[in-house]
């Protein structure tokens, strides 16, 4: 009888352990699915530049040919009812949709951003299927204390382009934006991700001073809190000189492309350079590549500078890899990171 109760008790404990694991699994699954669907994909990056022709020329020289220049269009600004001219170009950089805007009107959201931060990516844009569902999202954010910053409607040959900007720069370090409608989709549908070195977008990355308040803010609107990592790096260099830079990484992996939040700890390091030059915000686009040396040789032969790099993991072992940065300060203010993983 005692043996029976012992066996029965063990069975109960095993069943209880299984139930607890199931509850934990369901809880984690619910946490992943609790991120609103619109945050899971970046529709496009709005990127403010001073010299559009120079930026287009540089990115074509880097091997990205899928670019269209829409020339000068008229935009209506909802806050004051004014109409302003905007030059706009669109590109597909290895799977990342880009809208470049050189502000022709300094007293505009785009002009003020450039005045405060210089050339750089201003917004990650998420798409809604229609105006009604977007209005519900704006109401949701309003209840959370996030205000509408500006609404801009651009008249283009393909139809109206709608951009809604939320007031998130200070707490979130970039301006969250939304769009809806078919015109933008039609433009981007003509641009594929093909490029010279077969690069594929891997990360949208940011440079910030401290992670706690930024992580808390984005979690408050529905994105996941940052997963903090302290990477162990090797063979580090900075503009050709050996260095031992250190950083903290904050990861958000809630969507089709990861977000990397880079916090400089020990300079010299390019994230600190960016913050001192432009302020905190979007720092680089990271691309997966197949042949690091081939890409670096091509870019350096064209005059582009390898600003920083290094390795992670045990060389030539699964999980190891190499990273290199290309300084593109003169090509729009957003750095390129090249990522190679050992296969």
Foldseek 3Di string as FASTA:
>chain_A
DVVVVVVVVVVVVVVVVVVVVVVVVVVVVCLLVQFDPQVFDFPAWEWEAADVVLLLVVVVLLWFDQKDWQAWWWKAKPVVRDIAIWTWMWGAAQNHIYIYIHGPDLPDPSNVLCVQFNTTTAEGETEDADPVVVVVLQVLVVVLVKHWDIWMWIQGPQGIWTKTWIDCCVQQVHIYIYTYDCSVVVSCVSYDNDTDQSWHWAEFEWFDADQDRNQVVVVSSRFHRWDKDWFDWAPKDFQRHDDDWTWIWTWGNSHPHIYIYTHTDGDPDVSVVSCVRGNIHTAATEIEGADVVVSVVSCVVVPWTFGMKTKGDDPLDAPIWIKIKTDVCVNRRHIYMYIYGRD
